[in-house]
N, C-alpha and C. Protein backbone atom coordinates (compact mmCIF):
# COMPACT_ATOMS: atom_id res chain seq x y z
N MET A 1 -13.51 63.23 -70.48
CA MET A 1 -13.90 64.06 -69.39
C MET A 1 -13.76 63.28 -68.08
N ALA A 2 -13.03 63.79 -67.12
CA ALA A 2 -12.82 63.11 -65.85
C ALA A 2 -14.03 63.31 -64.95
N THR A 3 -14.36 62.26 -64.22
CA THR A 3 -15.46 62.32 -63.28
C THR A 3 -14.89 62.23 -61.88
N ILE A 4 -15.36 63.07 -60.99
CA ILE A 4 -14.91 63.05 -59.62
C ILE A 4 -15.89 62.24 -58.80
N ALA A 5 -15.39 61.20 -58.13
CA ALA A 5 -16.24 60.37 -57.30
C ALA A 5 -16.64 61.15 -56.06
N THR A 6 -17.91 61.04 -55.70
CA THR A 6 -18.38 61.74 -54.51
C THR A 6 -19.01 60.75 -53.57
N SER A 7 -18.85 60.98 -52.29
CA SER A 7 -19.50 60.17 -51.28
C SER A 7 -20.58 61.00 -50.64
N ARG A 8 -21.67 60.39 -50.29
CA ARG A 8 -22.76 61.11 -49.67
C ARG A 8 -22.71 60.92 -48.17
N SER A 9 -23.28 61.85 -47.45
CA SER A 9 -23.27 61.79 -45.99
C SER A 9 -24.27 60.77 -45.48
N VAL A 10 -24.41 60.68 -44.17
CA VAL A 10 -25.25 59.67 -43.55
C VAL A 10 -26.69 59.76 -44.03
N PHE A 11 -27.26 60.97 -44.14
CA PHE A 11 -28.64 61.09 -44.61
C PHE A 11 -28.71 62.16 -45.70
N THR A 12 -29.21 61.78 -46.84
CA THR A 12 -29.33 62.73 -47.94
C THR A 12 -30.74 62.80 -48.51
N GLY A 13 -31.62 61.95 -48.07
CA GLY A 13 -32.90 61.82 -48.73
C GLY A 13 -32.72 60.91 -49.94
N TRP A 14 -33.74 60.70 -50.69
CA TRP A 14 -33.68 59.83 -51.86
C TRP A 14 -32.95 60.55 -53.00
N PHE A 15 -32.11 59.80 -53.74
CA PHE A 15 -31.40 60.37 -54.87
C PHE A 15 -31.22 59.29 -55.94
N THR A 16 -30.87 59.74 -57.13
CA THR A 16 -30.67 58.86 -58.26
C THR A 16 -29.34 59.19 -58.93
N SER A 17 -28.97 58.40 -59.89
CA SER A 17 -27.79 58.68 -60.69
C SER A 17 -28.02 59.96 -61.49
N THR A 18 -26.97 60.72 -61.68
CA THR A 18 -27.09 61.91 -62.52
C THR A 18 -27.36 61.51 -63.97
N ARG A 19 -27.19 60.24 -64.29
CA ARG A 19 -27.44 59.76 -65.65
C ARG A 19 -28.90 59.33 -65.86
N SER A 20 -29.70 59.37 -64.78
CA SER A 20 -31.10 58.96 -64.88
C SER A 20 -31.89 59.96 -65.73
N ASN A 21 -33.02 59.50 -66.22
CA ASN A 21 -33.89 60.30 -67.07
C ASN A 21 -34.66 61.31 -66.23
N ASN A 22 -33.97 62.33 -65.72
CA ASN A 22 -34.60 63.37 -64.91
C ASN A 22 -35.36 62.82 -63.72
N GLY A 23 -34.95 61.67 -63.21
CA GLY A 23 -35.60 61.11 -62.03
C GLY A 23 -36.94 60.46 -62.33
N ASN A 24 -37.32 60.36 -63.59
CA ASN A 24 -38.62 59.80 -63.92
C ASN A 24 -38.66 58.27 -63.82
N GLN A 25 -37.59 57.62 -64.19
CA GLN A 25 -37.52 56.17 -64.12
C GLN A 25 -36.12 55.81 -63.68
N CYS A 26 -36.01 55.32 -62.45
CA CYS A 26 -34.65 55.07 -61.99
C CYS A 26 -34.60 54.28 -60.70
N VAL A 27 -33.38 53.85 -60.41
CA VAL A 27 -33.05 53.26 -59.13
C VAL A 27 -32.88 54.42 -58.17
N GLU A 28 -33.62 54.42 -57.07
CA GLU A 28 -33.49 55.48 -56.08
C GLU A 28 -32.89 54.89 -54.80
N VAL A 29 -31.99 55.65 -54.19
CA VAL A 29 -31.26 55.20 -53.02
C VAL A 29 -31.37 56.26 -51.94
N CYS A 30 -31.39 55.82 -50.68
CA CYS A 30 -31.42 56.72 -49.55
C CYS A 30 -30.49 56.16 -48.47
N PHE A 31 -29.59 56.99 -47.95
CA PHE A 31 -28.74 56.59 -46.84
C PHE A 31 -29.39 57.13 -45.56
N ASP A 32 -29.62 56.24 -44.62
CA ASP A 32 -30.24 56.64 -43.36
C ASP A 32 -29.49 55.95 -42.22
N GLY A 33 -28.52 56.65 -41.65
CA GLY A 33 -27.67 56.05 -40.61
C GLY A 33 -26.89 54.90 -41.22
N ASP A 34 -26.97 53.71 -40.60
CA ASP A 34 -26.26 52.55 -41.11
C ASP A 34 -27.08 51.78 -42.14
N ALA A 35 -28.26 52.25 -42.44
CA ALA A 35 -29.11 51.57 -43.41
C ALA A 35 -29.04 52.24 -44.78
N VAL A 36 -29.16 51.41 -45.82
CA VAL A 36 -29.27 51.91 -47.19
C VAL A 36 -30.58 51.37 -47.74
N LEU A 37 -31.42 52.26 -48.25
CA LEU A 37 -32.72 51.89 -48.78
C LEU A 37 -32.70 52.03 -50.30
N ILE A 38 -33.32 51.07 -51.00
CA ILE A 38 -33.37 51.09 -52.46
C ILE A 38 -34.82 50.93 -52.87
N ARG A 39 -35.29 51.78 -53.80
CA ARG A 39 -36.66 51.67 -54.30
C ARG A 39 -36.66 51.95 -55.80
N ASP A 40 -37.84 51.80 -56.40
CA ASP A 40 -38.03 52.03 -57.82
C ASP A 40 -38.95 53.23 -58.02
N SER A 41 -38.47 54.25 -58.72
CA SER A 41 -39.24 55.48 -58.87
C SER A 41 -40.56 55.28 -59.62
N LYS A 42 -40.70 54.20 -60.37
CA LYS A 42 -41.95 53.97 -61.11
C LYS A 42 -43.14 53.89 -60.17
N TYR A 43 -42.94 53.39 -58.95
CA TYR A 43 -44.05 53.28 -58.00
C TYR A 43 -44.52 54.64 -57.54
N ARG A 44 -43.63 55.61 -57.43
CA ARG A 44 -44.04 56.95 -57.03
C ARG A 44 -44.75 57.67 -58.16
N ARG A 45 -44.29 57.43 -59.39
CA ARG A 45 -44.80 58.16 -60.54
C ARG A 45 -46.17 57.69 -60.99
N ASP A 46 -46.45 56.40 -60.84
CA ASP A 46 -47.69 55.83 -61.35
C ASP A 46 -48.46 55.14 -60.22
N PRO A 47 -49.33 55.90 -59.54
CA PRO A 47 -50.07 55.32 -58.41
C PRO A 47 -50.88 54.07 -58.79
N ALA A 48 -51.29 53.95 -60.04
CA ALA A 48 -52.07 52.79 -60.45
C ALA A 48 -51.25 51.51 -60.38
N SER A 49 -49.94 51.61 -60.58
CA SER A 49 -49.09 50.42 -60.54
C SER A 49 -48.49 50.19 -59.16
N ARG A 50 -48.79 51.08 -58.23
CA ARG A 50 -48.21 50.99 -56.89
C ARG A 50 -48.94 49.92 -56.07
N PRO A 51 -48.19 49.00 -55.50
CA PRO A 51 -48.82 48.03 -54.60
C PRO A 51 -49.25 48.74 -53.31
N ALA A 52 -50.02 48.05 -52.49
CA ALA A 52 -50.50 48.66 -51.25
C ALA A 52 -49.32 49.19 -50.42
N GLU A 53 -48.23 48.46 -50.42
CA GLU A 53 -47.04 48.91 -49.71
C GLU A 53 -45.88 48.93 -50.70
N GLU A 54 -45.26 50.09 -50.87
CA GLU A 54 -44.18 50.24 -51.82
C GLU A 54 -43.00 49.33 -51.43
N PRO A 55 -42.51 48.51 -52.37
CA PRO A 55 -41.38 47.65 -52.03
C PRO A 55 -40.08 48.45 -51.92
N ILE A 56 -39.42 48.28 -50.78
CA ILE A 56 -38.14 48.95 -50.54
C ILE A 56 -37.17 47.91 -49.98
N ILE A 57 -36.02 47.81 -50.60
CA ILE A 57 -34.95 46.93 -50.10
C ILE A 57 -34.16 47.73 -49.08
N ILE A 58 -33.90 47.12 -47.93
CA ILE A 58 -33.11 47.77 -46.89
C ILE A 58 -31.94 46.86 -46.54
N VAL A 59 -30.73 47.42 -46.64
CA VAL A 59 -29.51 46.68 -46.30
C VAL A 59 -28.62 47.54 -45.43
N THR A 60 -27.62 46.92 -44.81
CA THR A 60 -26.66 47.69 -44.02
C THR A 60 -25.68 48.38 -44.95
N ALA A 61 -24.95 49.33 -44.40
CA ALA A 61 -23.94 50.05 -45.20
C ALA A 61 -22.89 49.08 -45.74
N SER A 62 -22.46 48.11 -44.93
CA SER A 62 -21.45 47.16 -45.42
C SER A 62 -22.01 46.25 -46.49
N GLU A 63 -23.28 45.85 -46.39
CA GLU A 63 -23.91 45.06 -47.44
C GLU A 63 -24.02 45.85 -48.74
N TRP A 64 -24.32 47.14 -48.62
CA TRP A 64 -24.40 48.02 -49.78
C TRP A 64 -23.05 48.13 -50.48
N THR A 65 -22.00 48.33 -49.70
CA THR A 65 -20.66 48.42 -50.27
C THR A 65 -20.28 47.13 -50.99
N SER A 66 -20.60 45.99 -50.38
CA SER A 66 -20.33 44.69 -51.03
C SER A 66 -21.09 44.58 -52.33
N PHE A 67 -22.33 45.03 -52.34
CA PHE A 67 -23.15 44.98 -53.55
C PHE A 67 -22.54 45.85 -54.64
N LEU A 68 -22.15 47.09 -54.30
CA LEU A 68 -21.54 47.98 -55.29
C LEU A 68 -20.25 47.36 -55.84
N ASP A 69 -19.49 46.71 -54.98
CA ASP A 69 -18.25 46.07 -55.42
C ASP A 69 -18.50 45.02 -56.49
N THR A 70 -19.61 44.30 -56.39
CA THR A 70 -19.92 43.28 -57.40
C THR A 70 -20.33 43.89 -58.74
N LEU A 71 -20.80 45.13 -58.72
CA LEU A 71 -21.29 45.78 -59.94
C LEU A 71 -20.21 46.50 -60.72
N ASP A 72 -19.14 46.86 -60.06
CA ASP A 72 -18.08 47.65 -60.71
C ASP A 72 -16.85 46.78 -60.93
N PRO A 73 -16.53 46.48 -62.19
CA PRO A 73 -15.40 45.62 -62.47
C PRO A 73 -14.08 46.19 -61.97
N GLY A 74 -14.02 47.48 -61.68
CA GLY A 74 -12.80 48.08 -61.18
C GLY A 74 -12.59 47.89 -59.69
N ARG A 75 -13.59 47.37 -59.01
CA ARG A 75 -13.49 47.16 -57.56
C ARG A 75 -13.22 45.69 -57.27
N SER A 76 -12.52 45.41 -56.19
CA SER A 76 -12.32 44.02 -55.81
C SER A 76 -13.49 43.61 -54.90
N HIS A 77 -13.88 42.35 -55.03
CA HIS A 77 -14.95 41.86 -54.17
C HIS A 77 -14.76 40.36 -53.94
N SER A 78 -15.05 39.98 -52.71
CA SER A 78 -14.96 38.55 -52.37
C SER A 78 -16.11 38.11 -51.50
N ASP A 79 -16.74 39.05 -50.81
CA ASP A 79 -17.84 38.70 -49.92
C ASP A 79 -19.14 38.55 -50.70
N PRO A 80 -19.97 37.58 -50.32
CA PRO A 80 -21.29 37.49 -50.96
C PRO A 80 -22.12 38.70 -50.55
N THR A 81 -23.05 39.06 -51.38
CA THR A 81 -23.87 40.23 -51.08
C THR A 81 -25.29 39.81 -50.74
N ALA A 82 -25.97 40.63 -49.92
CA ALA A 82 -27.35 40.35 -49.51
C ALA A 82 -28.31 40.58 -50.67
N ILE A 83 -27.89 41.37 -51.64
CA ILE A 83 -28.73 41.70 -52.80
C ILE A 83 -28.27 40.86 -53.98
N THR A 84 -29.22 40.18 -54.63
CA THR A 84 -28.87 39.44 -55.83
C THR A 84 -29.46 40.13 -57.06
N THR A 85 -28.78 40.02 -58.18
CA THR A 85 -29.28 40.59 -59.43
C THR A 85 -29.45 39.49 -60.44
N THR A 86 -30.50 39.64 -61.24
CA THR A 86 -30.80 38.71 -62.33
C THR A 86 -31.19 39.54 -63.54
N VAL A 87 -30.64 39.18 -64.70
CA VAL A 87 -31.00 39.87 -65.93
C VAL A 87 -31.87 38.93 -66.76
N ALA A 88 -33.06 39.42 -67.14
CA ALA A 88 -34.00 38.64 -67.95
C ALA A 88 -33.65 38.74 -69.42
N ASP A 89 -34.27 37.89 -70.23
CA ASP A 89 -34.02 37.90 -71.67
C ASP A 89 -34.28 39.27 -72.30
N ALA A 90 -35.28 40.00 -71.82
CA ALA A 90 -35.62 41.31 -72.37
C ALA A 90 -34.68 42.39 -71.85
N GLY A 91 -33.70 42.03 -71.04
CA GLY A 91 -32.75 43.01 -70.55
C GLY A 91 -33.14 43.67 -69.24
N HIS A 92 -34.30 43.34 -68.69
CA HIS A 92 -34.71 43.90 -67.40
C HIS A 92 -33.86 43.28 -66.30
N THR A 93 -33.46 44.10 -65.35
CA THR A 93 -32.65 43.63 -64.23
C THR A 93 -33.50 43.61 -62.98
N THR A 94 -33.45 42.49 -62.26
CA THR A 94 -34.20 42.33 -61.03
C THR A 94 -33.24 42.32 -59.85
N LEU A 95 -33.55 43.15 -58.86
CA LEU A 95 -32.83 43.12 -57.58
C LEU A 95 -33.70 42.36 -56.60
N ARG A 96 -33.07 41.50 -55.82
CA ARG A 96 -33.82 40.73 -54.82
C ARG A 96 -33.05 40.71 -53.53
N CYS A 97 -33.76 40.96 -52.44
CA CYS A 97 -33.19 40.87 -51.10
C CYS A 97 -34.31 40.36 -50.20
N GLY A 98 -34.13 39.15 -49.68
CA GLY A 98 -35.19 38.55 -48.87
C GLY A 98 -36.44 38.38 -49.72
N ASP A 99 -37.57 38.89 -49.26
CA ASP A 99 -38.84 38.77 -49.97
C ASP A 99 -39.13 39.95 -50.91
N ILE A 100 -38.24 40.92 -50.96
CA ILE A 100 -38.48 42.12 -51.76
C ILE A 100 -37.79 41.98 -53.11
N THR A 101 -38.54 42.31 -54.17
CA THR A 101 -38.01 42.26 -55.55
C THR A 101 -38.33 43.58 -56.24
N LEU A 102 -37.32 44.14 -56.91
CA LEU A 102 -37.49 45.35 -57.72
C LEU A 102 -36.98 45.03 -59.12
N THR A 103 -37.71 45.48 -60.15
CA THR A 103 -37.32 45.21 -61.52
C THR A 103 -37.15 46.52 -62.27
N TYR A 104 -35.99 46.65 -62.95
CA TYR A 104 -35.65 47.87 -63.66
C TYR A 104 -35.49 47.61 -65.14
N THR A 105 -35.84 48.61 -65.94
CA THR A 105 -35.67 48.52 -67.40
C THR A 105 -34.18 48.58 -67.72
N PRO A 106 -33.80 48.18 -68.93
CA PRO A 106 -32.39 48.28 -69.31
C PRO A 106 -31.85 49.71 -69.19
N GLU A 107 -32.65 50.71 -69.54
CA GLU A 107 -32.21 52.09 -69.46
C GLU A 107 -31.99 52.53 -68.01
N GLU A 108 -32.91 52.15 -67.13
CA GLU A 108 -32.77 52.48 -65.71
C GLU A 108 -31.51 51.86 -65.14
N TRP A 109 -31.28 50.60 -65.47
CA TRP A 109 -30.12 49.88 -64.91
C TRP A 109 -28.81 50.46 -65.47
N THR A 110 -28.80 50.81 -66.75
CA THR A 110 -27.60 51.39 -67.35
C THR A 110 -27.25 52.71 -66.67
N ALA A 111 -28.25 53.54 -66.39
CA ALA A 111 -28.02 54.82 -65.71
C ALA A 111 -27.49 54.58 -64.30
N PHE A 112 -28.04 53.59 -63.60
CA PHE A 112 -27.58 53.27 -62.26
C PHE A 112 -26.12 52.80 -62.28
N LEU A 113 -25.80 51.89 -63.20
CA LEU A 113 -24.43 51.39 -63.30
C LEU A 113 -23.44 52.50 -63.61
N ALA A 114 -23.84 53.46 -64.45
CA ALA A 114 -22.97 54.60 -64.75
C ALA A 114 -22.71 55.40 -63.47
N GLY A 115 -23.74 55.57 -62.66
CA GLY A 115 -23.58 56.27 -61.38
C GLY A 115 -22.68 55.50 -60.43
N VAL A 116 -22.79 54.17 -60.44
CA VAL A 116 -21.92 53.34 -59.59
C VAL A 116 -20.47 53.53 -60.01
N ARG A 117 -20.22 53.47 -61.32
CA ARG A 117 -18.84 53.64 -61.83
C ARG A 117 -18.30 55.03 -61.50
N ASP A 118 -19.17 56.05 -61.47
CA ASP A 118 -18.74 57.42 -61.18
C ASP A 118 -18.63 57.70 -59.67
N GLY A 119 -18.99 56.72 -58.84
CA GLY A 119 -18.89 56.91 -57.39
C GLY A 119 -20.06 57.63 -56.77
N GLU A 120 -21.15 57.81 -57.53
CA GLU A 120 -22.29 58.58 -57.02
C GLU A 120 -23.03 57.88 -55.89
N PHE A 121 -22.86 56.59 -55.75
CA PHE A 121 -23.60 55.84 -54.73
C PHE A 121 -22.70 55.38 -53.58
N ASN A 122 -21.46 55.91 -53.54
CA ASN A 122 -20.57 55.57 -52.44
C ASN A 122 -21.10 56.23 -51.18
N ARG A 123 -21.04 55.50 -50.12
CA ARG A 123 -21.55 56.01 -48.82
C ARG A 123 -20.37 56.43 -47.98
N ALA A 124 -20.39 57.66 -47.54
CA ALA A 124 -19.32 58.14 -46.65
C ALA A 124 -19.58 57.61 -45.25
N ASP A 125 -18.57 57.05 -44.63
CA ASP A 125 -18.72 56.62 -43.25
C ASP A 125 -18.52 57.82 -42.36
N VAL A 126 -19.58 58.16 -41.64
CA VAL A 126 -19.53 59.34 -40.78
C VAL A 126 -19.67 58.89 -39.35
N SER A 127 -18.70 59.20 -38.53
CA SER A 127 -18.76 58.84 -37.11
C SER A 127 -19.42 59.98 -36.35
N VAL A 128 -20.28 59.61 -35.44
CA VAL A 128 -21.00 60.64 -34.66
C VAL A 128 -20.29 60.85 -33.35
């Protein structure tokens, strides 16, 4: 089955990969002008586990594109990315940018990577 890559406009609100578990546990992304915001849906779903301030990674559109390039073996990449990823022994993947850290389960990360490969997180450059 062929998948059509889609690019999102400058502002779409928060969204997840279509492969996510109905949005219950996933990497959530929001495009807001030249900024790209990344958060973990677990904080919204379970207020008891929510820190006083929800951790959100914020990067520029070009930093986001560089990050996606490192995740998709079909893309070329040479620039270092502002976001680093680490995989723990249990398969959990940690995203880190500056002082902000987000940790995803193997299932959440697999759904996100599938969305990356399908082009679901490509950001359309829109000139105003």
